[in-house]
Amino acid sequence: MDTRIALIGIIVENTDAVLELNSILHEYRMYIVGRMGIPYQKRKISVISVVVDAPNDVISALSGKLGMLPHVNIKTLYSKVPPTVE
């Protein structure tokens, strides 16, 4: 199955969303290459970067679930590196 590299940028505007967000990321842990979270106390937000290597439909499903969370904004950026076949 073809996999792609993608970066999912997440801004959490309310900490009430964190438990569900972490639960969703845990569900997709086998596709996550790396994750970096930065709490920005001055603005009372958290900024999270998640790098995934997964099939397109998995990336879309993960992005969709995260995007439906209240007080969470996400954007997904796909690499131009050719897909790999696993």
Protein backbone atom coordinates (compact mmCIF):
# COMPACT_ATOMS: atom_id res chain seq x y z
CA MET A 1 0.00 0.00 0.00
CA ASP A 2 1.31 3.48 -0.89
CA THR A 3 2.23 5.69 2.04
CA ARG A 4 2.97 9.39 2.13
CA ILE A 5 4.71 11.73 4.54
CA ALA A 6 2.52 14.47 5.96
CA LEU A 7 2.82 17.12 8.63
CA ILE A 8 -0.29 17.86 10.66
CA GLY A 9 -0.14 21.25 12.36
CA ILE A 10 -2.48 21.55 15.33
CA ILE A 11 -3.40 24.60 17.43
CA VAL A 12 -5.29 23.84 20.62
CA GLU A 13 -7.17 26.89 21.89
CA ASN A 14 -8.76 25.24 24.93
CA THR A 15 -7.23 22.55 27.14
CA ASP A 16 -10.62 20.82 27.40
CA ALA A 17 -9.85 19.24 24.00
CA VAL A 18 -6.52 17.71 25.03
CA LEU A 19 -7.78 14.36 26.35
CA GLU A 20 -9.72 13.54 23.21
CA LEU A 21 -6.93 14.85 20.97
CA ASN A 22 -4.38 12.59 22.69
CA SER A 23 -6.78 9.67 22.46
CA ILE A 24 -7.10 10.13 18.69
CA LEU A 25 -3.33 10.45 18.26
CA HIS A 26 -2.86 7.29 20.33
CA GLU A 27 -5.28 5.47 18.03
CA TYR A 28 -3.03 6.35 15.05
CA ARG A 29 0.29 5.85 16.88
CA MET A 30 1.55 3.24 14.43
CA TYR A 31 1.67 5.88 11.68
CA ILE A 32 3.24 8.68 13.74
CA VAL A 33 6.92 9.28 12.98
CA GLY A 34 7.33 12.11 15.48
CA ARG A 35 5.44 14.66 17.51
CA MET A 36 6.41 17.98 19.06
CA GLY A 37 4.21 20.05 21.34
CA ILE A 38 4.85 23.62 22.39
CA PRO A 39 2.76 25.25 25.10
CA TYR A 40 2.50 28.99 24.46
CA GLN A 41 1.48 30.32 27.86
CA LYS A 42 1.42 33.98 26.83
CA ARG A 43 -1.46 33.27 24.39
CA LYS A 44 -2.92 30.31 26.35
CA ILE A 45 -2.64 27.90 23.42
CA SER A 46 -0.64 24.82 22.51
CA VAL A 47 0.95 24.23 19.13
CA ILE A 48 1.56 20.62 18.10
CA SER A 49 3.34 19.24 15.03
CA VAL A 50 2.75 15.62 14.09
CA VAL A 51 4.67 13.89 11.29
CA VAL A 52 2.98 10.80 9.85
CA ASP A 53 3.91 8.19 7.24
CA ALA A 54 0.62 6.60 6.21
CA PRO A 55 -1.74 5.86 3.32
CA ASN A 56 -3.76 8.84 2.05
CA ASP A 57 -7.01 7.54 3.51
CA VAL A 58 -5.47 7.16 6.97
CA ILE A 59 -4.04 10.69 6.87
CA SER A 60 -7.42 12.04 5.78
CA ALA A 61 -9.26 10.12 8.51
CA LEU A 62 -6.86 11.34 11.20
CA SER A 63 -7.05 14.94 9.95
CA GLY A 64 -10.84 14.75 9.81
CA LYS A 65 -11.17 13.44 13.37
CA LEU A 66 -8.81 16.08 14.72
CA GLY A 67 -10.53 18.83 12.75
CA MET A 68 -13.91 17.99 14.29
CA LEU A 69 -12.67 18.59 17.82
CA PRO A 70 -13.97 21.82 19.35
CA HIS A 71 -11.33 24.53 19.95
CA VAL A 72 -8.80 22.68 17.76
CA ASN A 73 -7.57 24.01 14.41
CA ILE A 74 -5.55 21.81 12.07
CA LYS A 75 -3.87 21.96 8.69
CA THR A 76 -2.28 19.05 6.86
CA LEU A 77 0.71 19.49 4.57
CA TYR A 78 1.77 16.65 2.27
CA SER A 79 5.36 16.04 1.23
CA LYS A 80 6.26 15.96 -2.45
CA VAL A 81 8.46 12.92 -1.76
CA PRO A 82 7.11 10.11 -3.95
CA PRO A 83 4.88 7.59 -2.13
CA THR A 84 6.49 4.36 -1.01
CA VAL A 85 5.00 0.90 -1.33
CA GLU A 86 5.08 -1.10 1.90
